[in-house]
Amino acid sequence: RNRLYKWIQKNGCVTECAPQPEKDLIPWVAAYLKRNHKTCSRRT
C-alpha cells in the first residue's frame, strides 16, 4: 500500500522473490549438479 511501492510498480519493475516451487527446484538441482559434472535421477 506504500506510495513508493505503487510508484515503482507503475513506472519501473517490481520483483518479488518468493520461495521456489518444488517442481522448479527439481530440474534446478539436476542442472546445478550437471554444471559440476555430476548427475542424479529425478527421484534422488
All heavy atoms as atom14 arrays in JSON, in Angstrom:
{
  "sequence": "RNRLYKWIQKNGCVTECAPQPEKDLIPWVAAYLKRNHKTCSRRT",
  "atom14_mask": [
    [1, 1, 1, 1, 1, 1, 1, 1, 1, 1, 1, 0, 0, 0],
    [1, 1, 1, 1, 1, 1, 1, 1, 0, 0, 0, 0, 0, 0],
    [1, 1, 1, 1, 1, 1, 1, 1, 1, 1, 1, 0, 0, 0],
    [1, 1, 1, 1, 1, 1, 1, 1, 0, 0, 0, 0, 0, 0],
    [1, 1, 1, 1, 1, 1, 1, 1, 1, 1, 1, 1, 0, 0],
    [1, 1, 1, 1, 1, 1, 1, 1, 1, 0, 0, 0, 0, 0],
    [1, 1, 1, 1, 1, 1, 1, 1, 1, 1, 1, 1, 1, 1],
    [1, 1, 1, 1, 1, 1, 1, 1, 0, 0, 0, 0, 0, 0],
    [1, 1, 1, 1, 1, 1, 1, 1, 1, 0, 0, 0, 0, 0],
    [1, 1, 1, 1, 1, 1, 1, 1, 1, 0, 0, 0, 0, 0],
    [1, 1, 1, 1, 1, 1, 1, 1, 0, 0, 0, 0, 0, 0],
    [1, 1, 1, 1, 0, 0, 0, 0, 0, 0, 0, 0, 0, 0],
    [1, 1, 1, 1, 1, 1, 0, 0, 0, 0, 0, 0, 0, 0],
    [1, 1, 1, 1, 1, 1, 1, 0, 0, 0, 0, 0, 0, 0],
    [1, 1, 1, 1, 1, 1, 1, 0, 0, 0, 0, 0, 0, 0],
    [1, 1, 1, 1, 1, 1, 1, 1, 1, 0, 0, 0, 0, 0],
    [1, 1, 1, 1, 1, 1, 0, 0, 0, 0, 0, 0, 0, 0],
    [1, 1, 1, 1, 1, 0, 0, 0, 0, 0, 0, 0, 0, 0],
    [1, 1, 1, 1, 1, 1, 1, 0, 0, 0, 0, 0, 0, 0],
    [1, 1, 1, 1, 1, 1, 1, 1, 1, 0, 0, 0, 0, 0],
    [1, 1, 1, 1, 1, 1, 1, 0, 0, 0, 0, 0, 0, 0],
    [1, 1, 1, 1, 1, 1, 1, 1, 1, 0, 0, 0, 0, 0],
    [1, 1, 1, 1, 1, 1, 1, 1, 1, 0, 0, 0, 0, 0],
    [1, 1, 1, 1, 1, 1, 1, 1, 0, 0, 0, 0, 0, 0],
    [1, 1, 1, 1, 1, 1, 1, 1, 0, 0, 0, 0, 0, 0],
    [1, 1, 1, 1, 1, 1, 1, 1, 0, 0, 0, 0, 0, 0],
    [1, 1, 1, 1, 1, 1, 1, 0, 0, 0, 0, 0, 0, 0],
    [1, 1, 1, 1, 1, 1, 1, 1, 1, 1, 1, 1, 1, 1],
    [1, 1, 1, 1, 1, 1, 1, 0, 0, 0, 0, 0, 0, 0],
    [1, 1, 1, 1, 1, 0, 0, 0, 0, 0, 0, 0, 0, 0],
    [1, 1, 1, 1, 1, 0, 0, 0, 0, 0, 0, 0, 0, 0],
    [1, 1, 1, 1, 1, 1, 1, 1, 1, 1, 1, 1, 0, 0],
    [1, 1, 1, 1, 1, 1, 1, 1, 0, 0, 0, 0, 0, 0],
    [1, 1, 1, 1, 1, 1, 1, 1, 1, 0, 0, 0, 0, 0],
    [1, 1, 1, 1, 1, 1, 1, 1, 1, 1, 1, 0, 0, 0],
    [1, 1, 1, 1, 1, 1, 1, 1, 0, 0, 0, 0, 0, 0],
    [1, 1, 1, 1, 1, 1, 1, 1, 1, 1, 0, 0, 0, 0],
    [1, 1, 1, 1, 1, 1, 1, 1, 1, 0, 0, 0, 0, 0],
    [1, 1, 1, 1, 1, 1, 1, 0, 0, 0, 0, 0, 0, 0],
    [1, 1, 1, 1, 1, 1, 0, 0, 0, 0, 0, 0, 0, 0],
    [1, 1, 1, 1, 1, 1, 0, 0, 0, 0, 0, 0, 0, 0],
    [1, 1, 1, 1, 1, 1, 1, 1, 1, 1, 1, 0, 0, 0],
    [1, 1, 1, 1, 1, 1, 1, 1, 1, 1, 1, 0, 0, 0],
    [1, 1, 1, 1, 1, 1, 1, 0, 0, 0, 0, 0, 0, 0]
  ],
  "atom14_positions": [
    [[0.83, -1.22, 0.0], [0.0, 0.0, 0.0], [0.86, 1.26, 0.0], [0.34, 2.37, -0.16], [-0.91, -0.01, 1.24], [-1.85, -1.21, 1.31], [-2.48, -1.31, 2.68], [-1.46, -1.47, 3.73], [-1.73, -1.55, 5.01], [-2.98, -1.48, 5.43], [-0.75, -1.69, 5.9], [0.0, 0.0, 0.0], [0.0, 0.0, 0.0], [0.0, 0.0, 0.0]],
    [[2.14, 1.09, 0.19], [3.08, 2.2, 0.27], [3.13, 2.98, -1.05], [3.11, 2.41, -2.13], [4.47, 1.62, 0.61], [5.56, 2.64, 0.64], [6.12, 2.95, -0.41], [5.9, 3.16, 1.8], [0.0, 0.0, 0.0], [0.0, 0.0, 0.0], [0.0, 0.0, 0.0], [0.0, 0.0, 0.0], [0.0, 0.0, 0.0], [0.0, 0.0, 0.0]],
    [[3.2, 4.3, -0.95], [3.18, 5.16, -2.14], [4.37, 4.89, -3.05], [4.25, 4.83, -4.28], [3.18, 6.64, -1.72], [3.09, 7.59, -2.91], [3.2, 9.03, -2.47], [3.34, 9.9, -3.63], [3.99, 11.05, -3.62], [4.58, 11.46, -2.51], [4.08, 11.79, -4.71], [0.0, 0.0, 0.0], [0.0, 0.0, 0.0], [0.0, 0.0, 0.0]],
    [[5.57, 4.7, -2.48], [6.76, 4.46, -3.27], [6.65, 3.12, -4.0], [7.05, 2.99, -5.17], [8.01, 4.48, -2.37], [9.36, 4.23, -3.06], [9.6, 5.23, -4.19], [10.49, 4.29, -2.03], [0.0, 0.0, 0.0], [0.0, 0.0, 0.0], [0.0, 0.0, 0.0], [0.0, 0.0, 0.0], [0.0, 0.0, 0.0], [0.0, 0.0, 0.0]],
    [[6.1, 2.11, -3.31], [5.9, 0.81, -3.96], [5.0, 0.97, -5.19], [5.31, 0.46, -6.27], [5.27, -0.17, -2.96], [4.94, -1.52, -3.58], [5.84, -2.56, -3.54], [3.71, -1.73, -4.21], [5.55, -3.8, -4.11], [3.41, -2.96, -4.79], [4.33, -3.99, -4.74], [4.03, -5.19, -5.32], [0.0, 0.0, 0.0], [0.0, 0.0, 0.0]],
    [[3.88, 1.65, -5.02], [2.93, 1.83, -6.12], [3.56, 2.63, -7.26], [3.3, 2.36, -8.44], [1.67, 2.51, -5.61], [0.85, 1.65, -4.67], [-0.39, 2.39, -4.19], [-1.25, 1.5, -3.28], [-2.43, 2.23, -2.77], [0.0, 0.0, 0.0], [0.0, 0.0, 0.0], [0.0, 0.0, 0.0], [0.0, 0.0, 0.0], [0.0, 0.0, 0.0]],
    [[4.41, 3.6, -6.91], [5.04, 4.42, -7.94], [6.0, 3.58, -8.8], [5.99, 3.68, -10.03], [5.78, 5.59, -7.3], [6.25, 6.61, -8.31], [5.57, 7.72, -8.74], [7.5, 6.62, -9.01], [6.31, 8.4, -9.68], [7.5, 7.74, -9.86], [8.61, 5.78, -9.0], [8.58, 8.05, -10.69], [9.68, 6.08, -9.83], [9.67, 7.19, -10.66]],
    [[6.82, 2.76, -8.14], [7.75, 1.91, -8.89], [6.99, 0.85, -9.68], [7.36, 0.5, -10.81], [8.81, 1.27, -7.97], [9.71, 2.37, -7.4], [9.62, 0.21, -8.7], [10.85, 1.87, -6.56], [0.0, 0.0, 0.0], [0.0, 0.0, 0.0], [0.0, 0.0, 0.0], [0.0, 0.0, 0.0], [0.0, 0.0, 0.0], [0.0, 0.0, 0.0]],
    [[5.92, 0.33, -9.1], [5.1, -0.64, -9.82], [4.57, -0.04, -11.12], [4.48, -0.72, -12.16], [3.94, -1.08, -8.93], [3.17, -2.28, -9.46], [2.11, -2.73, -8.47], [1.38, -1.89, -7.91], [1.99, -4.02, -8.25], [0.0, 0.0, 0.0], [0.0, 0.0, 0.0], [0.0, 0.0, 0.0], [0.0, 0.0, 0.0], [0.0, 0.0, 0.0]],
    [[4.25, 1.25, -11.1], [3.72, 1.92, -12.29], [4.82, 2.38, -13.24], [4.67, 2.29, -14.47], [2.89, 3.14, -11.85], [2.29, 3.93, -13.01], [1.48, 5.12, -12.51], [0.92, 5.92, -13.68], [0.14, 7.1, -13.19], [0.0, 0.0, 0.0], [0.0, 0.0, 0.0], [0.0, 0.0, 0.0], [0.0, 0.0, 0.0], [0.0, 0.0, 0.0]],
    [[5.95, 2.83, -12.7], [6.98, 3.47, -13.51], [8.25, 2.63, -13.69], [9.15, 3.05, -14.41], [7.37, 4.82, -12.89], [6.21, 5.79, -12.87], [5.88, 6.4, -13.87], [5.58, 5.92, -11.7], [0.0, 0.0, 0.0], [0.0, 0.0, 0.0], [0.0, 0.0, 0.0], [0.0, 0.0, 0.0], [0.0, 0.0, 0.0], [0.0, 0.0, 0.0]],
    [[8.32, 1.49, -13.03], [9.52, 0.67, -13.11], [9.18, -0.8, -13.09], [8.22, -1.25, -13.7], [0.0, 0.0, 0.0], [0.0, 0.0, 0.0], [0.0, 0.0, 0.0], [0.0, 0.0, 0.0], [0.0, 0.0, 0.0], [0.0, 0.0, 0.0], [0.0, 0.0, 0.0], [0.0, 0.0, 0.0], [0.0, 0.0, 0.0], [0.0, 0.0, 0.0]],
    [[9.97, -1.56, -12.34], [9.82, -3.02, -12.29], [9.93, -3.5, -10.85], [10.94, -3.25, -10.19], [10.9, -3.68, -13.16], [10.83, -5.48, -13.19], [0.0, 0.0, 0.0], [0.0, 0.0, 0.0], [0.0, 0.0, 0.0], [0.0, 0.0, 0.0], [0.0, 0.0, 0.0], [0.0, 0.0, 0.0], [0.0, 0.0, 0.0], [0.0, 0.0, 0.0]],
    [[8.89, -4.19, -10.37], [8.88, -4.77, -9.03], [9.05, -6.28, -9.16], [8.32, -6.94, -9.9], [7.57, -4.45, -8.29], [7.53, -5.19, -6.95], [7.43, -2.95, -8.07], [0.0, 0.0, 0.0], [0.0, 0.0, 0.0], [0.0, 0.0, 0.0], [0.0, 0.0, 0.0], [0.0, 0.0, 0.0], [0.0, 0.0, 0.0], [0.0, 0.0, 0.0]],
    [[10.03, -6.84, -8.44], [10.3, -8.28, -8.5], [10.24, -8.86, -7.1], [11.06, -8.53, -6.24], [11.69, -8.55, -9.11], [11.77, -7.95, -10.4], [11.94, -10.05, -9.22], [0.0, 0.0, 0.0], [0.0, 0.0, 0.0], [0.0, 0.0, 0.0], [0.0, 0.0, 0.0], [0.0, 0.0, 0.0], [0.0, 0.0, 0.0], [0.0, 0.0, 0.0]],
    [[9.25, -9.72, -6.86], [9.13, -10.41, -5.57], [9.77, -11.79, -5.69], [9.39, -12.58, -6.56], [7.68, -10.56, -5.14], [7.54, -11.26, -3.79], [6.11, -11.34, -3.29], [5.2, -10.95, -4.04], [5.92, -11.81, -2.15], [0.0, 0.0, 0.0], [0.0, 0.0, 0.0], [0.0, 0.0, 0.0], [0.0, 0.0, 0.0], [0.0, 0.0, 0.0]],
    [[10.74, -12.08, -4.84], [11.46, -13.35, -4.88], [10.89, -14.28, -3.82], [11.36, -14.32, -2.68], [12.95, -13.13, -4.65], [13.7, -12.03, -5.88], [0.0, 0.0, 0.0], [0.0, 0.0, 0.0], [0.0, 0.0, 0.0], [0.0, 0.0, 0.0], [0.0, 0.0, 0.0], [0.0, 0.0, 0.0], [0.0, 0.0, 0.0], [0.0, 0.0, 0.0]],
    [[9.86, -15.02, -4.18], [9.22, -15.95, -3.27], [9.97, -17.28, -3.29], [10.72, -17.57, -4.24], [7.77, -16.16, -3.68], [0.0, 0.0, 0.0], [0.0, 0.0, 0.0], [0.0, 0.0, 0.0], [0.0, 0.0, 0.0], [0.0, 0.0, 0.0], [0.0, 0.0, 0.0], [0.0, 0.0, 0.0], [0.0, 0.0, 0.0], [0.0, 0.0, 0.0]],
    [[9.81, -18.11, -2.25], [10.39, -19.45, -2.29], [9.96, -20.18, -3.55], [8.79, -20.12, -3.95], [9.83, -20.12, -1.03], [9.57, -18.97, -0.1], [9.12, -17.84, -0.97], [0.0, 0.0, 0.0], [0.0, 0.0, 0.0], [0.0, 0.0, 0.0], [0.0, 0.0, 0.0], [0.0, 0.0, 0.0], [0.0, 0.0, 0.0], [0.0, 0.0, 0.0]],
    [[10.89, -20.87, -4.2], [10.61, -21.53, -5.47], [9.8, -22.81, -5.26], [10.04, -23.55, -4.31], [11.92, -21.87, -6.18], [12.77, -20.64, -6.52], [12.06, -19.72, -7.49], [11.83, -20.05, -8.65], [11.71, -18.53, -7.01], [0.0, 0.0, 0.0], [0.0, 0.0, 0.0], [0.0, 0.0, 0.0], [0.0, 0.0, 0.0], [0.0, 0.0, 0.0]],
    [[8.84, -23.08, -6.15], [8.07, -24.33, -6.03], [8.93, -25.55, -6.3], [9.91, -25.48, -7.06], [6.98, -24.18, -7.1], [7.52, -23.18, -8.07], [8.38, -22.26, -7.27], [0.0, 0.0, 0.0], [0.0, 0.0, 0.0], [0.0, 0.0, 0.0], [0.0, 0.0, 0.0], [0.0, 0.0, 0.0], [0.0, 0.0, 0.0], [0.0, 0.0, 0.0]],
    [[8.56, -26.66, -5.69], [9.34, -27.89, -5.8], [9.53, -28.32, -7.25], [10.6, -28.78, -7.64], [8.65, -29.0, -5.0], [9.43, -30.29, -4.91], [8.74, -31.3, -4.0], [7.68, -30.98, -3.44], [9.27, -32.41, -3.85], [0.0, 0.0, 0.0], [0.0, 0.0, 0.0], [0.0, 0.0, 0.0], [0.0, 0.0, 0.0], [0.0, 0.0, 0.0]],
    [[8.47, -28.15, -8.08], [8.55, -28.59, -9.48], [9.63, -27.83, -10.25], [10.18, -28.35, -11.23], [7.2, -28.41, -10.17], [6.71, -26.98, -10.3], [5.37, -26.92, -10.99], [4.85, -25.5, -11.11], [5.73, -24.66, -11.95], [0.0, 0.0, 0.0], [0.0, 0.0, 0.0], [0.0, 0.0, 0.0], [0.0, 0.0, 0.0], [0.0, 0.0, 0.0]],
    [[9.95, -26.61, -9.82], [11.02, -25.84, -10.47], [12.4, -26.17, -9.88], [13.42, -26.08, -10.57], [10.76, -24.33, -10.33], [9.54, -23.88, -11.11], [9.14, -24.61, -12.05], [8.98, -22.82, -10.79], [0.0, 0.0, 0.0], [0.0, 0.0, 0.0], [0.0, 0.0, 0.0], [0.0, 0.0, 0.0], [0.0, 0.0, 0.0], [0.0, 0.0, 0.0]],
    [[12.41, -26.53, -8.6], [13.69, -26.81, -7.95], [14.27, -28.17, -8.35], [15.49, -28.34, -8.35], [13.52, -26.77, -6.42], [13.38, -25.38, -5.81], [13.08, -25.48, -4.32], [14.63, -24.54, -6.05], [0.0, 0.0, 0.0], [0.0, 0.0, 0.0], [0.0, 0.0, 0.0], [0.0, 0.0, 0.0], [0.0, 0.0, 0.0], [0.0, 0.0, 0.0]],
    [[13.41, -29.12, -8.71], [13.9, -30.44, -9.09], [14.84, -30.35, -10.3], [15.98, -30.82, -10.25], [12.73, -31.42, -9.35], [12.05, -31.76, -8.01], [13.23, -32.7, -10.01], [10.73, -32.49, -8.17], [0.0, 0.0, 0.0], [0.0, 0.0, 0.0], [0.0, 0.0, 0.0], [0.0, 0.0, 0.0], [0.0, 0.0, 0.0], [0.0, 0.0, 0.0]],
    [[14.42, -29.72, -11.43], [15.35, -29.57, -12.55], [16.52, -28.64, -12.22], [17.61, -28.8, -12.77], [14.48, -29.0, -13.68], [13.29, -28.42, -13.01], [13.06, -29.23, -11.79], [0.0, 0.0, 0.0], [0.0, 0.0, 0.0], [0.0, 0.0, 0.0], [0.0, 0.0, 0.0], [0.0, 0.0, 0.0], [0.0, 0.0, 0.0], [0.0, 0.0, 0.0]],
    [[16.3, -27.68, -11.31], [17.38, -26.77, -10.93], [18.5, -27.54, -10.21], [19.68, -27.29, -10.44], [16.82, -25.67, -10.03], [17.82, -24.62, -9.64], [18.27, -23.58, -10.38], [18.5, -24.53, -8.38], [19.19, -22.84, -9.66], [19.34, -23.4, -8.44], [18.48, -25.3, -7.22], [20.15, -23.02, -7.37], [19.29, -24.93, -6.15], [20.11, -23.8, -6.24]],
    [[18.12, -28.48, -9.33], [19.1, -29.33, -8.65], [19.9, -30.13, -9.67], [21.14, -30.19, -9.63], [18.41, -30.29, -7.66], [19.36, -31.4, -7.21], [17.91, -29.52, -6.44], [0.0, 0.0, 0.0], [0.0, 0.0, 0.0], [0.0, 0.0, 0.0], [0.0, 0.0, 0.0], [0.0, 0.0, 0.0], [0.0, 0.0, 0.0], [0.0, 0.0, 0.0]],
    [[19.2, -30.74, -10.64], [19.87, -31.53, -11.67], [20.81, -30.67, -12.5], [21.93, -31.09, -12.83], [18.83, -32.21, -12.57], [0.0, 0.0, 0.0], [0.0, 0.0, 0.0], [0.0, 0.0, 0.0], [0.0, 0.0, 0.0], [0.0, 0.0, 0.0], [0.0, 0.0, 0.0], [0.0, 0.0, 0.0], [0.0, 0.0, 0.0], [0.0, 0.0, 0.0]],
    [[20.38, -29.45, -12.83], [21.21, -28.54, -13.64], [22.45, -28.11, -12.86], [23.55, -28.0, -13.44], [20.39, -27.33, -14.06], [0.0, 0.0, 0.0], [0.0, 0.0, 0.0], [0.0, 0.0, 0.0], [0.0, 0.0, 0.0], [0.0, 0.0, 0.0], [0.0, 0.0, 0.0], [0.0, 0.0, 0.0], [0.0, 0.0, 0.0], [0.0, 0.0, 0.0]],
    [[22.3, -27.85, -11.56], [23.45, -27.44, -10.74], [24.48, -28.57, -10.69], [25.69, -28.32, -10.83], [22.98, -27.09, -9.32], [24.07, -26.49, -8.46], [24.28, -25.11, -8.45], [24.89, -27.29, -7.66], [25.29, -24.56, -7.66], [25.89, -26.74, -6.88], [26.09, -25.38, -6.88], [27.09, -24.83, -6.1], [0.0, 0.0, 0.0], [0.0, 0.0, 0.0]],
    [[24.01, -29.79, -10.5], [24.92, -30.93, -10.49], [25.6, -31.12, -11.84], [26.79, -31.42, -11.92], [24.17, -32.2, -10.08], [23.72, -32.28, -8.62], [22.85, -33.51, -8.4], [24.92, -32.31, -7.66], [0.0, 0.0, 0.0], [0.0, 0.0, 0.0], [0.0, 0.0, 0.0], [0.0, 0.0, 0.0], [0.0, 0.0, 0.0], [0.0, 0.0, 0.0]],
    [[24.83, -30.93, -12.91], [25.38, -31.1, -14.25], [26.5, -30.11, -14.52], [27.52, -30.46, -15.14], [24.27, -30.94, -15.29], [24.71, -31.23, -16.72], [23.55, -31.13, -17.69], [24.02, -31.44, -19.12], [22.89, -31.33, -20.09], [0.0, 0.0, 0.0], [0.0, 0.0, 0.0], [0.0, 0.0, 0.0], [0.0, 0.0, 0.0], [0.0, 0.0, 0.0]],
    [[26.34, -28.86, -14.05], [27.4, -27.85, -14.24], [28.67, -28.26, -13.52], [29.76, -27.78, -13.84], [26.92, -26.48, -13.73], [25.9, -25.83, -14.62], [25.76, -24.34, -14.31], [25.32, -24.09, -12.95], [24.05, -24.02, -12.58], [23.09, -24.2, -13.48], [23.73, -23.78, -11.33], [0.0, 0.0, 0.0], [0.0, 0.0, 0.0], [0.0, 0.0, 0.0]],
    [[28.53, -29.13, -12.53], [29.69, -29.62, -11.77], [30.02, -31.07, -12.13], [30.62, -31.79, -11.34], [29.42, -29.48, -10.27], [29.42, -28.03, -9.81], [30.46, -27.46, -9.52], [28.24, -27.43, -9.77], [0.0, 0.0, 0.0], [0.0, 0.0, 0.0], [0.0, 0.0, 0.0], [0.0, 0.0, 0.0], [0.0, 0.0, 0.0], [0.0, 0.0, 0.0]],
    [[29.59, -31.46, -13.34], [29.94, -32.77, -13.92], [29.4, -33.94, -13.11], [30.04, -34.98, -12.98], [31.46, -32.88, -14.08], [32.09, -31.67, -14.71], [31.86, -31.31, -16.02], [32.92, -30.72, -14.2], [32.52, -30.19, -16.29], [33.17, -29.82, -15.2], [0.0, 0.0, 0.0], [0.0, 0.0, 0.0], [0.0, 0.0, 0.0], [0.0, 0.0, 0.0]],
    [[28.19, -33.74, -12.53], [27.53, -34.8, -11.78], [26.13, -35.01, -12.34], [25.54, -34.13, -12.97], [27.42, -34.43, -10.3], [28.75, -34.17, -9.6], [29.55, -35.45, -9.42], [30.86, -35.16, -8.69], [31.68, -36.39, -8.53], [0.0, 0.0, 0.0], [0.0, 0.0, 0.0], [0.0, 0.0, 0.0], [0.0, 0.0, 0.0], [0.0, 0.0, 0.0]],
    [[25.57, -36.18, -12.08], [24.19, -36.48, -12.48], [23.43, -37.06, -11.29], [24.04, -37.56, -10.33], [24.14, -37.5, -13.63], [24.72, -38.74, -13.18], [24.9, -37.01, -14.84], [0.0, 0.0, 0.0], [0.0, 0.0, 0.0], [0.0, 0.0, 0.0], [0.0, 0.0, 0.0], [0.0, 0.0, 0.0], [0.0, 0.0, 0.0], [0.0, 0.0, 0.0]],
    [[22.11, -36.99, -11.38], [21.27, -37.67, -10.39], [19.93, -37.95, -11.04], [19.52, -37.27, -11.98], [21.1, -36.84, -9.12], [19.98, -35.45, -9.28], [0.0, 0.0, 0.0], [0.0, 0.0, 0.0], [0.0, 0.0, 0.0], [0.0, 0.0, 0.0], [0.0, 0.0, 0.0], [0.0, 0.0, 0.0], [0.0, 0.0, 0.0], [0.0, 0.0, 0.0]],
    [[19.23, -38.96, -10.53], [17.9, -39.26, -11.05], [16.91, -38.24, -10.5], [17.18, -37.54, -9.51], [17.48, -40.67, -10.62], [17.29, -40.71, -9.21], [0.0, 0.0, 0.0], [0.0, 0.0, 0.0], [0.0, 0.0, 0.0], [0.0, 0.0, 0.0], [0.0, 0.0, 0.0], [0.0, 0.0, 0.0], [0.0, 0.0, 0.0], [0.0, 0.0, 0.0]],
    [[15.74, -38.17, -11.13], [14.7, -37.27, -10.64], [14.31, -37.65, -9.22], [14.11, -36.78, -8.37], [13.48, -37.33, -11.56], [12.34, -36.42, -11.1], [11.12, -36.52, -11.99], [10.06, -35.67, -11.48], [9.93, -34.38, -11.75], [10.8, -33.78, -12.54], [8.93, -33.68, -11.23], [0.0, 0.0, 0.0], [0.0, 0.0, 0.0], [0.0, 0.0, 0.0]],
    [[14.22, -38.95, -8.95], [13.84, -39.42, -7.62], [14.86, -38.97, -6.57], [14.5, -38.58, -5.46], [13.7, -40.94, -7.61], [13.19, -41.49, -6.28], [13.0, -43.0, -6.34], [12.6, -43.55, -5.06], [11.36, -43.61, -4.62], [10.39, -43.15, -5.36], [11.08, -44.13, -3.43], [0.0, 0.0, 0.0], [0.0, 0.0, 0.0], [0.0, 0.0, 0.0]],
    [[16.16, -39.0, -6.93], [17.19, -38.55, -5.99], [17.07, -37.06, -5.74], [17.22, -36.6, -4.6], [18.59, -38.89, -6.52], [18.72, -40.31, -6.65], [19.68, -38.38, -5.59], [0.0, 0.0, 0.0], [0.0, 0.0, 0.0], [0.0, 0.0, 0.0], [0.0, 0.0, 0.0], [0.0, 0.0, 0.0], [0.0, 0.0, 0.0], [0.0, 0.0, 0.0]]
  ]
}
